């Protein structure tokens, strides 16, 4: 039997059809493309968006979702402070988005819009600035007018702890302005009366990337409690990722989910951005099924915020519910909703999946896929360790990031410090490869895309070879094995014919010695939530100044990938 909770699904997929950038920023719809369209192109583009959004919403409603999120409010909320050309484009977008809202509502689904605080155009930044009083005055009037203009919108999902990536070049750009729990608390206490006045819901995303005093909001209970103190609005709800880090494996339920009595929804990702983005099966039934059991009787658990398309900067581009090839994300999404809403086990949900005609084989295939991901894409001995650096929980995945695989001395040094039995790690990697061979057989039996399992097998073989490099003395044989595997992989999956992983294999010596890694682990990493004295003095203060000095004097020491990806690594040193 269905419950009355919120089952919110991101609806950005239709906006990415025929998007010609190689690496896509999946955190927001491509406003740069929309802004560049001529009037005729704009009409044709949104005709297709409207058609596919209808298909997407039909499927979402069928599986049990009751709400859709779209990106984003700032591009649709008009104000006299904006540049004339921005306002002109906004009027055009308001018209076509009103049609989007009608399509969603016609399927019986609620509409939520996302937004960052704060989003600026150059003119808005000049008029409003970064002073909190000025920001609050602007946003209260903006919300008030927007809710009057758009009765179709049921609420807004507010993010305060991450801003736009460095690739955003269009007219609107967000930046971090709420830097402390006190500022966050004042912000919500000011805007919530507007939401109450219009009977709309304000969903506060607690995700942060470690910047400023608010940077540990996602995992530090005191920060969350201080940020939400005395907020008792019926319009207010929290949205938290399931773990203390991003969407990785080997994370327990975030203890901050249980830190307040405020209603909360849990963010789950079914298009796994760090696990192939749906290019191969990365099943979530085991992990999410356990979360469903643990949350079932929590009184203020209010539903799910499911990411079925959003997340990451990658070239992978299958669109769930719109492309037949997105079958693995579709299965994940279906099973996730059914486990939480209907109380089914993941096996029951798989058996009920409309396209499943051989439950026994499907269940074995999906179970094996979850095992292989956890055993080979991750290094379990490393992933099971809890580590914090400054205000962030260290990811449980090392050496693989979005569509990049890193094999080099830096990763070797870290793994050798944290993994006690390298030979066992090598053996478990090759054991996982045996499971992949069985998965190919099952895919043929189930009439599922065997080529996706083959792609997974070819990719993961390089990860298995890399473990020999990480945990054994370097020999010409290991070097040749990795070199040949890379050449074969690039030949089989050339750029432009299939979106593949980027293999960044560099076996040249790294200047950091094992003792340096030991010092870093001892003095700058910790295995618990509390800040030590050394963290307060060195980690949170002196390290910020040292990093600024380092990038000014030796900028090349920080890899370009780390400097330029998303917001850039310098964010965590703010």
Protein backbone atom coordinates (compact mmCIF):
# COMPACT_ATOMS: atom_id res chain seq x y z
CA UNK A 1 0.00 0.00 0.00
CA UNK A 2 1.31 3.45 -0.94
CA UNK A 3 2.03 6.04 1.74
CA UNK A 4 1.54 9.83 1.74
CA UNK A 5 5.19 10.88 1.66
CA UNK A 6 6.92 13.04 -0.94
CA UNK A 7 8.57 11.09 -3.76
CA UNK A 8 10.42 13.75 -5.70
CA UNK A 9 12.20 12.98 -8.98
CA UNK A 10 14.51 15.30 -10.92
CA UNK A 11 13.10 16.14 -14.34
CA UNK A 12 16.06 17.70 -16.15
CA UNK A 13 16.61 14.93 -18.73
CA UNK A 14 14.47 16.33 -21.57
CA UNK A 15 16.54 19.53 -21.62
CA UNK A 16 19.69 17.65 -22.67
CA UNK A 17 18.50 16.08 -25.88
CA UNK A 18 21.09 16.66 -28.67
CA UNK A 19 23.37 18.65 -26.35
CA UNK A 20 26.65 18.81 -28.25
CA UNK A 21 29.16 19.40 -25.44
CA UNK A 22 31.45 16.44 -24.86
CA UNK A 23 31.53 16.70 -21.06
CA UNK A 24 28.15 17.67 -19.63
CA UNK A 25 27.55 19.49 -16.37
CA UNK A 26 24.63 17.45 -15.04
CA UNK A 27 24.03 19.76 -12.08
CA UNK A 28 21.72 22.12 -13.98
CA UNK A 29 19.94 22.38 -17.33
CA UNK A 30 22.02 23.88 -20.20
CA UNK A 31 20.97 27.52 -19.92
CA UNK A 32 23.95 28.51 -22.08
CA UNK A 33 22.41 26.56 -24.96
CA UNK A 34 18.96 28.00 -24.34
CA UNK A 35 20.26 31.57 -24.24
CA UNK A 36 21.99 31.12 -27.62
CA UNK A 37 18.85 29.94 -29.45
CA UNK A 38 17.13 32.10 -32.04
CA UNK A 39 13.35 32.55 -31.57
CA UNK A 40 12.60 29.78 -34.09
CA UNK A 41 15.18 27.46 -32.56
CA UNK A 42 13.81 28.24 -29.09
CA UNK A 43 10.31 27.21 -30.18
CA UNK A 44 11.49 23.96 -31.79
CA UNK A 45 13.69 23.13 -28.79
CA UNK A 46 10.90 23.57 -26.26
CA UNK A 47 8.36 21.74 -28.42
CA UNK A 48 10.61 18.70 -28.05
CA UNK A 49 11.23 19.40 -24.34
CA UNK A 50 7.48 19.53 -23.74
CA UNK A 51 6.90 16.28 -25.60
CA UNK A 52 9.63 14.39 -23.76
CA UNK A 53 8.71 15.92 -20.42
CA UNK A 54 5.24 14.48 -20.88
CA UNK A 55 6.72 11.04 -21.52
CA UNK A 56 9.02 11.38 -18.51
CA UNK A 57 6.20 12.47 -16.18
CA UNK A 58 3.96 9.64 -17.34
CA UNK A 59 6.67 7.15 -16.39
CA UNK A 60 7.40 8.91 -13.09
CA UNK A 61 3.75 8.79 -12.08
CA UNK A 62 3.47 5.12 -13.12
CA UNK A 63 6.26 4.01 -10.78
CA UNK A 64 4.86 5.95 -7.80
CA UNK A 65 6.52 9.38 -7.80
CA UNK A 66 4.32 12.34 -6.90
CA UNK A 67 6.58 15.35 -7.57
CA UNK A 68 9.09 16.60 -10.13
CA UNK A 69 11.93 19.08 -9.64
CA UNK A 70 13.07 21.40 -12.41
CA UNK A 71 15.94 23.87 -12.75
CA UNK A 72 15.59 26.74 -11.70
CA UNK A 73 13.82 29.68 -10.05
CA UNK A 74 16.31 32.54 -10.69
CA UNK A 75 15.95 32.20 -14.46
CA UNK A 76 12.17 32.59 -14.16
CA UNK A 77 11.64 35.12 -11.34
CA UNK A 78 11.60 38.58 -12.90
CA UNK A 79 12.87 41.74 -11.17
CA UNK A 80 13.64 45.29 -12.23
CA UNK A 81 17.23 44.90 -11.03
CA UNK A 82 18.14 42.63 -13.93
CA UNK A 83 19.68 43.76 -17.21
CA UNK A 84 17.15 44.50 -20.00
CA UNK A 85 18.43 41.62 -22.15
CA UNK A 86 18.16 39.23 -19.18
CA UNK A 87 14.56 40.29 -18.57
CA UNK A 88 13.71 39.89 -22.24
CA UNK A 89 15.07 36.33 -22.32
CA UNK A 90 13.32 35.61 -19.01
CA UNK A 91 9.91 36.53 -20.43
CA UNK A 92 10.43 34.04 -23.24
CA UNK A 93 11.49 31.33 -20.78
CA UNK A 94 8.63 32.04 -18.38
CA UNK A 95 6.17 31.30 -21.16
CA UNK A 96 7.64 27.93 -22.12
CA UNK A 97 8.23 26.91 -18.50
CA UNK A 98 4.63 27.64 -17.63
CA UNK A 99 3.81 25.02 -20.24
CA UNK A 100 6.29 22.66 -18.52
CA UNK A 101 4.48 23.19 -15.22
CA UNK A 102 1.13 22.46 -16.86
CA UNK A 103 2.50 19.19 -18.27
CA UNK A 104 3.72 18.11 -14.82
CA UNK A 105 0.50 19.10 -13.05
CA UNK A 106 -1.64 17.32 -15.66
CA UNK A 107 -0.05 14.04 -14.51
CA UNK A 108 -1.04 14.73 -10.90
CA UNK A 109 2.53 15.61 -9.92
CA UNK A 110 3.75 18.52 -7.80
CA UNK A 111 6.27 21.01 -9.21
CA UNK A 112 9.41 22.10 -7.34
CA UNK A 113 12.09 24.47 -8.57
CA UNK A 114 15.72 24.45 -7.49
CA UNK A 115 17.81 27.51 -6.64
CA UNK A 116 21.15 28.51 -5.16
CA UNK A 117 21.60 31.29 -2.66
CA UNK A 118 22.79 33.52 -4.06
CA UNK A 119 22.44 33.76 -7.87
CA UNK A 120 23.62 36.94 -9.55
CA UNK A 121 23.80 38.66 -12.85
CA UNK A 122 26.43 41.44 -13.08
CA UNK A 123 23.75 44.12 -12.63
CA UNK A 124 22.16 42.30 -9.69
CA UNK A 125 25.52 41.87 -7.97
CA UNK A 126 26.16 45.60 -8.33
CA UNK A 127 22.74 46.56 -6.91
CA UNK A 128 22.37 43.93 -4.16
CA UNK A 129 25.94 42.93 -3.32
CA UNK A 130 26.72 40.28 -0.72
CA UNK A 131 25.39 42.02 2.39
CA UNK A 132 22.85 39.73 4.08
CA UNK A 133 20.30 42.48 4.76
CA UNK A 134 20.34 43.47 1.11
CA UNK A 135 20.08 39.86 -0.05
CA UNK A 136 17.12 39.17 2.25
CA UNK A 137 15.31 42.29 1.10
CA UNK A 138 15.73 41.28 -2.53
CA UNK A 139 14.79 37.61 -2.08
CA UNK A 140 11.68 38.20 0.02
CA UNK A 141 10.27 40.47 -2.67
CA UNK A 142 11.39 38.06 -5.40
CA UNK A 143 9.68 35.06 -3.77
CA UNK A 144 6.53 37.03 -3.04
CA UNK A 145 6.11 38.12 -6.64
CA UNK A 146 7.12 34.76 -8.12
CA UNK A 147 4.60 32.82 -6.06
CA UNK A 148 1.93 35.29 -7.13
CA UNK A 149 2.90 34.86 -10.79
CA UNK A 150 3.19 31.06 -10.74
CA UNK A 151 0.46 29.33 -8.77
CA UNK A 152 1.56 26.05 -10.40
CA UNK A 153 4.80 25.84 -8.40
CA UNK A 154 4.43 23.95 -5.12
CA UNK A 155 7.78 24.80 -3.59
CA UNK A 156 11.47 25.62 -3.89
CA UNK A 157 14.54 23.50 -3.13
CA UNK A 158 17.20 25.82 -1.72
CA UNK A 159 20.94 25.05 -1.82
CA UNK A 160 23.32 27.25 0.17
CA UNK A 161 26.51 25.14 0.42
CA UNK A 162 27.65 24.77 -3.20
CA UNK A 163 27.70 27.20 -6.09
CA UNK A 164 27.92 26.84 -9.86
CA UNK A 165 30.90 25.03 -11.34
CA UNK A 166 33.65 26.85 -13.19
CA UNK A 167 32.14 25.89 -16.54
CA UNK A 168 29.08 28.13 -16.10
CA UNK A 169 29.39 31.11 -18.45
CA UNK A 170 25.80 32.26 -19.03
CA UNK A 171 24.15 35.37 -17.57
CA UNK A 172 23.30 33.95 -14.14
CA UNK A 173 26.00 32.64 -11.83
CA UNK A 174 25.75 31.61 -8.20
CA UNK A 175 28.19 32.12 -5.36
CA UNK A 176 28.36 31.22 -1.67
CA UNK A 177 27.09 34.03 0.57
CA UNK A 178 25.74 32.27 3.67
CA UNK A 179 28.92 31.37 5.52
CA UNK A 180 27.85 30.54 9.07
CA UNK A 181 25.01 28.74 10.88
CA UNK A 182 23.81 32.07 12.24
CA UNK A 183 23.48 33.53 8.74
CA UNK A 184 21.60 30.45 7.53
CA UNK A 185 19.24 30.61 10.49
CA UNK A 186 18.48 34.26 9.89
CA UNK A 187 17.98 33.64 6.19
CA UNK A 188 15.29 30.99 6.67
CA UNK A 189 13.56 32.81 9.51
CA UNK A 190 13.22 35.76 7.14
CA UNK A 191 11.98 34.03 4.00
CA UNK A 192 9.72 31.34 5.51
CA UNK A 193 6.84 33.76 6.25
CA UNK A 194 6.64 34.38 2.49
CA UNK A 195 6.35 30.64 1.85
CA UNK A 196 3.69 30.34 4.53
CA UNK A 197 1.76 33.29 3.10
CA UNK A 198 1.53 31.55 -0.28
CA UNK A 199 1.16 28.00 1.12
CA UNK A 200 4.37 26.81 -0.56
CA UNK A 201 7.05 24.47 0.74
CA UNK A 202 10.68 25.45 1.30
CA UNK A 203 13.04 22.46 1.10
CA UNK A 204 16.49 23.19 2.53
CA UNK A 205 19.27 21.07 1.01
CA UNK A 206 21.95 20.52 3.65
CA UNK A 207 24.61 19.53 1.11
CA UNK A 208 27.86 21.50 1.42
CA UNK A 209 31.36 21.17 -0.03
CA UNK A 210 33.33 22.22 3.04
CA UNK A 211 33.59 25.97 2.47
CA UNK A 212 33.40 28.43 5.38
CA UNK A 213 31.99 27.74 8.86
CA UNK A 214 28.82 26.28 7.37
CA UNK A 215 30.91 23.78 5.36
CA UNK A 216 30.42 20.87 7.76
CA UNK A 217 26.62 21.21 7.81
CA UNK A 218 26.05 17.86 6.15
CA UNK A 219 27.66 15.80 8.91
CA UNK A 220 28.23 17.95 12.02
CA UNK A 221 25.19 17.90 14.28
CA UNK A 222 25.96 21.16 16.09
CA UNK A 223 26.15 23.07 12.81
CA UNK A 224 22.80 21.70 11.65
CA UNK A 225 21.11 22.37 14.99
CA UNK A 226 22.46 25.93 15.12
CA UNK A 227 21.41 26.59 11.52
CA UNK A 228 17.83 25.40 12.13
CA UNK A 229 17.36 26.51 15.75
CA UNK A 230 13.79 27.61 16.63
CA UNK A 231 12.53 27.13 13.06
CA UNK A 232 9.07 25.61 13.43
CA UNK A 233 7.44 26.62 10.17
CA UNK A 234 4.96 24.21 8.58
CA UNK A 235 6.48 25.23 5.23
CA UNK A 236 9.98 24.01 6.14
CA UNK A 237 11.58 20.66 5.24
CA UNK A 238 15.14 19.34 5.09
CA UNK A 239 16.68 17.37 2.23
CA UNK A 240 19.85 15.40 3.05
CA UNK A 241 22.06 13.02 1.12
CA UNK A 242 21.94 9.56 2.65
CA UNK A 243 25.56 9.64 3.82
CA UNK A 244 28.03 12.13 5.21
CA UNK A 245 29.73 12.52 1.83
CA UNK A 246 28.53 12.48 -1.77
CA UNK A 247 26.75 9.55 -3.45
CA UNK A 248 29.34 6.88 -2.67
CA UNK A 249 29.11 3.33 -1.33
CA UNK A 250 30.23 2.18 2.12
CA UNK A 251 28.39 5.01 3.87
CA UNK A 252 25.97 4.49 6.73
CA UNK A 253 22.88 6.64 7.04
CA UNK A 254 23.87 10.17 7.95
CA UNK A 255 23.36 10.67 11.68
CA UNK A 256 22.20 14.24 10.99
CA UNK A 257 19.04 12.74 9.55
CA UNK A 258 18.05 12.05 13.15
CA UNK A 259 19.42 15.22 14.78
CA UNK A 260 16.22 17.30 14.67
CA UNK A 261 12.47 16.77 14.60
CA UNK A 262 12.12 18.76 11.36
CA UNK A 263 10.52 16.73 8.53
CA UNK A 264 13.20 15.47 6.14
CA UNK A 265 13.48 13.77 2.79
CA UNK A 266 16.51 11.64 1.88
CA UNK A 267 18.47 12.19 -1.33
CA UNK A 268 19.20 8.97 -3.21
CA UNK A 269 20.91 8.73 -6.58
CA UNK A 270 19.77 6.11 -9.09
CA UNK A 271 21.93 7.32 -12.01
CA UNK A 272 25.13 6.75 -10.10
CA UNK A 273 27.48 9.58 -11.10
CA UNK A 274 30.59 7.91 -9.63
CA UNK A 275 29.68 4.44 -10.89
CA UNK A 276 29.27 4.75 -14.64
CA UNK A 277 26.16 6.98 -14.86
CA UNK A 278 23.99 4.14 -16.10
CA UNK A 279 26.35 2.96 -18.85
CA UNK A 280 26.42 -0.41 -17.09
CA UNK A 281 24.49 -1.91 -14.15
CA UNK A 282 25.35 -0.45 -10.76
CA UNK A 283 22.45 -1.76 -8.77
CA UNK A 284 21.43 -0.02 -5.53
CA UNK A 285 18.84 -2.45 -4.20
CA UNK A 286 20.96 -3.90 -1.40
CA UNK A 287 22.13 -0.58 0.03
CA UNK A 288 18.87 1.32 -0.45
CA UNK A 289 16.80 -1.59 0.81
CA UNK A 290 18.70 -1.43 4.09
CA UNK A 291 18.13 2.33 4.28
CA UNK A 292 14.41 1.79 3.71
CA UNK A 293 14.25 -0.61 6.66
CA UNK A 294 16.13 1.76 8.96
CA UNK A 295 13.92 4.73 8.05
CA UNK A 296 10.57 2.97 8.03
CA UNK A 297 9.52 3.93 11.56
CA UNK A 298 11.27 7.30 11.87
CA UNK A 299 8.43 9.75 12.61
CA UNK A 300 9.80 12.79 10.72
CA UNK A 301 10.98 10.86 7.66
CA UNK A 302 8.93 12.50 4.92
CA UNK A 303 10.04 10.86 1.69
CA UNK A 304 12.72 10.83 -1.01
CA UNK A 305 14.50 13.27 -3.29
CA UNK A 306 15.61 10.92 -6.09
CA UNK A 307 18.35 11.91 -8.52
CA UNK A 308 17.70 9.91 -11.68
CA UNK A 309 19.64 12.21 -14.05
CA UNK A 310 21.32 14.94 -12.00
CA UNK A 311 24.91 14.89 -10.80
CA UNK A 312 28.46 15.00 -12.07
CA UNK A 313 30.51 16.38 -14.96
CA UNK A 314 30.74 13.49 -17.42
CA UNK A 315 30.31 12.62 -21.12
CA UNK A 316 27.86 9.81 -20.31
CA UNK A 317 24.42 10.92 -21.51
CA UNK A 318 21.71 8.26 -21.38
CA UNK A 319 18.35 9.86 -20.49
CA UNK A 320 16.23 7.85 -18.06
CA UNK A 321 12.67 7.02 -19.16
CA UNK A 322 13.47 8.53 -22.57
CA UNK A 323 16.24 6.26 -23.92
CA UNK A 324 15.92 2.48 -24.03
CA UNK A 325 19.65 2.33 -23.25
CA UNK A 326 18.99 3.90 -19.81
CA UNK A 327 17.56 0.59 -18.58
CA UNK A 328 19.92 0.30 -15.60
CA UNK A 329 18.95 3.70 -14.18
CA UNK A 330 15.30 2.91 -14.86
CA UNK A 331 15.57 -0.32 -12.85
CA UNK A 332 17.31 1.48 -9.99
CA UNK A 333 14.64 4.19 -9.90
CA UNK A 334 11.73 1.75 -10.04
CA UNK A 335 13.16 -0.48 -7.32
CA UNK A 336 14.03 2.46 -5.07
CA UNK A 337 10.52 3.91 -5.15
CA UNK A 338 8.88 0.53 -4.62
CA UNK A 339 11.06 -0.40 -1.64
CA UNK A 340 10.34 2.85 0.16
CA UNK A 341 6.74 3.50 -0.85
CA UNK A 342 5.32 -0.01 -0.92
CA UNK A 343 7.57 -1.78 1.58
CA UNK A 344 8.80 -4.35 -0.95
CA UNK A 345 12.17 -6.07 -0.78
CA UNK A 346 14.45 -5.33 -3.70
CA UNK A 347 13.90 -8.85 -5.01
CA UNK A 348 10.11 -8.34 -4.96
CA UNK A 349 10.49 -4.99 -6.71
CA UNK A 350 12.70 -6.48 -9.44
CA UNK A 351 10.25 -9.31 -10.01
CA UNK A 352 7.43 -6.73 -10.39
CA UNK A 353 9.40 -4.57 -12.84
CA UNK A 354 7.32 -4.53 -16.05
CA UNK A 355 10.22 -5.50 -18.32
CA UNK A 356 11.37 -8.41 -16.17
CA UNK A 357 10.34 -11.76 -17.65
CA UNK A 358 12.86 -13.97 -15.80
CA UNK A 359 13.00 -12.81 -12.15
CA UNK A 360 15.53 -15.42 -11.06
CA UNK A 361 18.11 -14.41 -13.67
CA UNK A 362 17.44 -10.66 -13.30
CA UNK A 363 17.89 -10.86 -9.52
CA UNK A 364 21.17 -12.74 -9.84
CA UNK A 365 22.48 -10.30 -12.45
CA UNK A 366 21.62 -7.21 -10.42
CA UNK A 367 22.95 -8.69 -7.18
CA UNK A 368 26.25 -9.50 -8.87
CA UNK A 369 26.48 -6.00 -10.33
CA UNK A 370 26.19 -4.44 -6.89
CA UNK A 371 28.84 -6.81 -5.54
CA UNK A 372 31.28 -6.13 -8.40
CA UNK A 373 30.95 -2.36 -8.06
CA UNK A 374 31.63 -2.52 -4.34
CA UNK A 375 34.50 -5.00 -4.71
CA UNK A 376 36.38 -3.58 -7.70
CA UNK A 377 35.33 0.00 -8.48
CA UNK A 378 35.99 0.63 -4.79
CA UNK A 379 38.85 -0.72 -2.71
CA UNK A 380 36.91 -2.12 0.25
CA UNK A 381 39.73 -1.93 2.81
CA UNK A 382 40.10 1.76 2.05
CA UNK A 383 36.39 2.50 1.59
CA UNK A 384 35.41 1.10 4.99
CA UNK A 385 37.59 3.63 6.82
CA UNK A 386 35.97 6.82 8.10
CA UNK A 387 38.15 9.89 7.49
CA UNK A 388 37.61 13.64 7.77
CA UNK A 389 39.76 16.42 6.38
CA UNK A 390 38.97 19.93 7.57
CA UNK A 391 35.18 20.23 7.13
CA UNK A 392 34.62 17.35 4.69
CA UNK A 393 34.12 13.61 4.99
CA UNK A 394 36.70 12.05 2.66
CA UNK A 395 35.08 10.12 -0.23
CA UNK A 396 35.18 6.36 0.05
CA UNK A 397 36.29 6.02 -3.57
CA UNK A 398 39.94 6.56 -4.56
CA UNK A 399 41.39 6.48 -8.04
CA UNK A 400 38.07 6.74 -9.90
CA UNK A 401 36.27 10.07 -10.18
CA UNK A 402 33.30 10.55 -12.49
CA UNK A 403 34.58 9.28 -15.89
CA UNK A 404 38.27 9.40 -14.95
CA UNK A 405 40.44 6.49 -13.82
CA UNK A 406 43.71 7.52 -12.18
CA UNK A 407 46.57 5.03 -11.97
CA UNK A 408 49.72 6.61 -10.61
CA UNK A 409 52.09 6.98 -7.68
CA UNK A 410 49.89 9.42 -5.76
CA UNK A 411 47.07 6.86 -5.58
CA UNK A 412 49.63 4.12 -4.88
CA UNK A 413 51.02 6.02 -1.89
CA UNK A 414 47.56 6.54 -0.37
CA UNK A 415 46.42 2.95 -0.88
CA UNK A 416 49.63 1.50 0.52
CA UNK A 417 49.17 3.56 3.65
CA UNK A 418 45.56 2.59 4.28
CA UNK A 419 45.38 -1.00 2.95
CA UNK A 420 47.06 -3.65 5.10
CA UNK A 421 46.81 -6.69 2.81
CA UNK A 422 47.48 -5.74 -0.80
CA UNK A 423 47.65 -9.32 -2.04
CA UNK A 424 44.17 -10.01 -0.72
CA UNK A 425 43.01 -6.88 -2.51
CA UNK A 426 44.47 -8.16 -5.79
CA UNK A 427 42.80 -11.55 -5.35
CA UNK A 428 39.40 -10.02 -4.61
CA UNK A 429 39.72 -7.85 -7.73
CA UNK A 430 40.21 -10.83 -10.00
CA UNK A 431 37.43 -12.71 -8.19
CA UNK A 432 35.11 -9.82 -9.07
CA UNK A 433 36.14 -10.20 -12.73
CA UNK A 434 34.87 -13.78 -12.61
CA UNK A 435 31.47 -12.45 -11.55
CA UNK A 436 31.46 -10.17 -14.57
CA UNK A 437 31.80 -13.19 -16.84
CA UNK A 438 28.69 -14.68 -15.22
CA UNK A 439 26.89 -11.33 -15.63
CA UNK A 440 27.41 -11.47 -19.40
CA UNK A 441 25.76 -14.88 -19.52
CA UNK A 442 22.82 -13.61 -17.50
CA UNK A 443 22.44 -10.52 -19.69
CA UNK A 444 22.10 -12.74 -22.77
CA UNK A 445 19.57 -14.90 -20.95
CA UNK A 446 17.51 -11.85 -19.91
CA UNK A 447 17.76 -10.08 -23.28
CA UNK A 448 19.45 -7.19 -21.52
CA UNK A 449 22.25 -5.24 -23.26
CA UNK A 450 25.24 -7.58 -23.09
CA UNK A 451 27.40 -4.83 -24.62
CA UNK A 452 27.00 -2.80 -21.43
CA UNK A 453 28.38 -5.68 -19.38
CA UNK A 454 31.22 -6.05 -21.88
CA UNK A 455 32.02 -2.34 -21.47
CA UNK A 456 31.95 -2.77 -17.70
CA UNK A 457 34.23 -5.82 -17.98
CA UNK A 458 36.74 -4.02 -20.20
CA UNK A 459 36.82 -1.02 -17.86
CA UNK A 460 37.05 -3.01 -14.65
CA UNK A 461 39.83 -5.20 -16.06
CA UNK A 462 42.06 -2.12 -16.00
CA UNK A 463 41.14 -1.59 -12.34
CA UNK A 464 42.11 -5.20 -11.58
CA UNK A 465 45.46 -4.76 -13.37
CA UNK A 466 46.01 -1.50 -11.50
CA UNK A 467 45.84 -3.32 -8.17
CA UNK A 468 48.96 -5.28 -9.15
CA UNK A 469 50.71 -1.95 -9.72
CA UNK A 470 49.44 -0.52 -6.45
CA UNK A 471 50.35 -3.45 -4.22
CA UNK A 472 53.36 -5.17 -5.85
CA UNK A 473 56.84 -3.99 -6.82
CA UNK A 474 56.76 -2.42 -10.26
CA UNK A 475 57.98 -4.80 -12.97
CA UNK A 476 58.17 -4.51 -16.77
CA UNK A 477 55.39 -7.09 -16.95
CA UNK A 478 52.99 -4.94 -14.91
CA UNK A 479 53.92 -1.85 -16.91
CA UNK A 480 53.32 -3.68 -20.18
CA UNK A 481 50.02 -5.13 -18.97
CA UNK A 482 48.67 -1.66 -18.10
CA UNK A 483 50.04 -0.06 -21.25
CA UNK A 484 48.54 -2.71 -23.52
CA UNK A 485 45.21 -2.63 -21.69
CA UNK A 486 45.01 1.14 -22.14
CA UNK A 487 45.82 0.89 -25.85
CA UNK A 488 43.26 -1.86 -26.40
CA UNK A 489 40.61 0.07 -24.48
CA UNK A 490 41.11 3.29 -26.46
CA UNK A 491 41.05 1.38 -29.74
CA UNK A 492 37.86 -0.48 -28.82
CA UNK A 493 36.14 2.63 -27.43
CA UNK A 494 37.46 5.58 -29.43
CA UNK A 495 36.31 9.00 -28.38
CA UNK A 496 33.24 9.98 -30.39
CA UNK A 497 31.89 6.48 -30.99
CA UNK A 498 31.21 5.48 -27.40
CA UNK A 499 31.50 7.59 -24.30
CA UNK A 500 34.16 5.84 -22.30
CA UNK A 501 36.30 6.39 -19.23
CA UNK A 502 39.36 8.59 -19.54
CA UNK A 503 42.41 6.53 -18.50
CA UNK A 504 44.97 8.72 -16.78
CA UNK A 505 47.84 6.28 -16.29
CA UNK A 506 51.18 7.78 -15.29
CA UNK A 507 53.66 5.50 -13.52
CA UNK A 508 56.41 8.12 -13.11
CA UNK A 509 57.68 8.56 -9.52
CA UNK A 510 55.80 10.94 -7.23
CA UNK A 511 57.79 13.31 -5.04
CA UNK A 512 55.69 12.53 -1.96
CA UNK A 513 57.26 9.77 0.17
CA UNK A 514 55.43 7.22 2.33
CA UNK A 515 56.42 9.12 5.46
CA UNK A 516 54.77 12.26 4.08
CA UNK A 517 51.51 10.39 3.63
CA UNK A 518 51.88 9.14 7.19
CA UNK A 519 52.31 12.69 8.49
CA UNK A 520 49.28 13.85 6.53
CA UNK A 521 47.17 10.99 7.87
CA UNK A 522 48.30 11.57 11.45
CA UNK A 523 48.07 15.34 11.68
CA UNK A 524 45.44 16.39 9.11
CA UNK A 525 43.04 13.44 8.92
CA UNK A 526 40.85 12.21 11.75
CA UNK A 527 38.48 9.27 12.11
CA UNK A 528 35.75 11.04 14.10
CA UNK A 529 33.45 14.06 13.95
CA UNK A 530 35.11 16.20 16.60
CA UNK A 531 37.74 18.77 15.72
CA UNK A 532 41.02 18.29 17.57
CA UNK A 533 43.16 21.17 18.76
CA UNK A 534 45.51 20.54 15.82
CA UNK A 535 42.54 20.72 13.44
CA UNK A 536 41.46 24.07 14.87
CA UNK A 537 44.93 25.60 14.58
CA UNK A 538 46.47 23.95 11.52
CA UNK A 539 43.67 22.28 9.57
CA UNK A 540 41.09 25.07 9.66
CA UNK A 541 43.35 28.13 9.85
CA UNK A 542 47.00 27.83 8.85
CA UNK A 543 46.30 25.36 6.04
CA UNK A 544 44.11 27.91 4.26
CA UNK A 545 46.97 30.43 4.17
CA UNK A 546 49.45 27.74 3.16
CA UNK A 547 47.23 26.65 0.25
CA UNK A 548 46.87 30.22 -1.01
CA UNK A 549 50.64 30.64 -0.89
CA UNK A 550 51.17 27.31 -2.66
CA UNK A 551 48.89 28.02 -5.62
CA UNK A 552 50.45 31.46 -6.08
CA UNK A 553 54.04 30.25 -6.05
CA UNK A 554 53.69 26.75 -7.52
CA UNK A 555 50.26 26.47 -9.21
CA UNK A 556 51.32 23.45 -11.27
CA UNK A 557 51.62 21.34 -8.11
CA UNK A 558 47.82 21.09 -8.00
CA UNK A 559 46.60 18.95 -10.95
CA UNK A 560 44.54 20.84 -13.51
CA UNK A 561 41.70 18.37 -12.99
CA UNK A 562 41.47 19.29 -9.30
CA UNK A 563 41.74 23.03 -9.94
CA UNK A 564 39.22 23.26 -12.77
CA UNK A 565 36.68 20.52 -12.06
CA UNK A 566 33.32 21.68 -10.65
CA UNK A 567 34.00 24.49 -8.13
CA UNK A 568 37.69 23.63 -7.86
CA UNK A 569 39.58 22.11 -4.94
CA UNK A 570 40.33 25.57 -3.49
CA UNK A 571 36.70 25.66 -2.26
CA UNK A 572 37.43 23.33 0.64
CA UNK A 573 40.19 25.66 1.88
CA UNK A 574 37.87 28.65 2.35
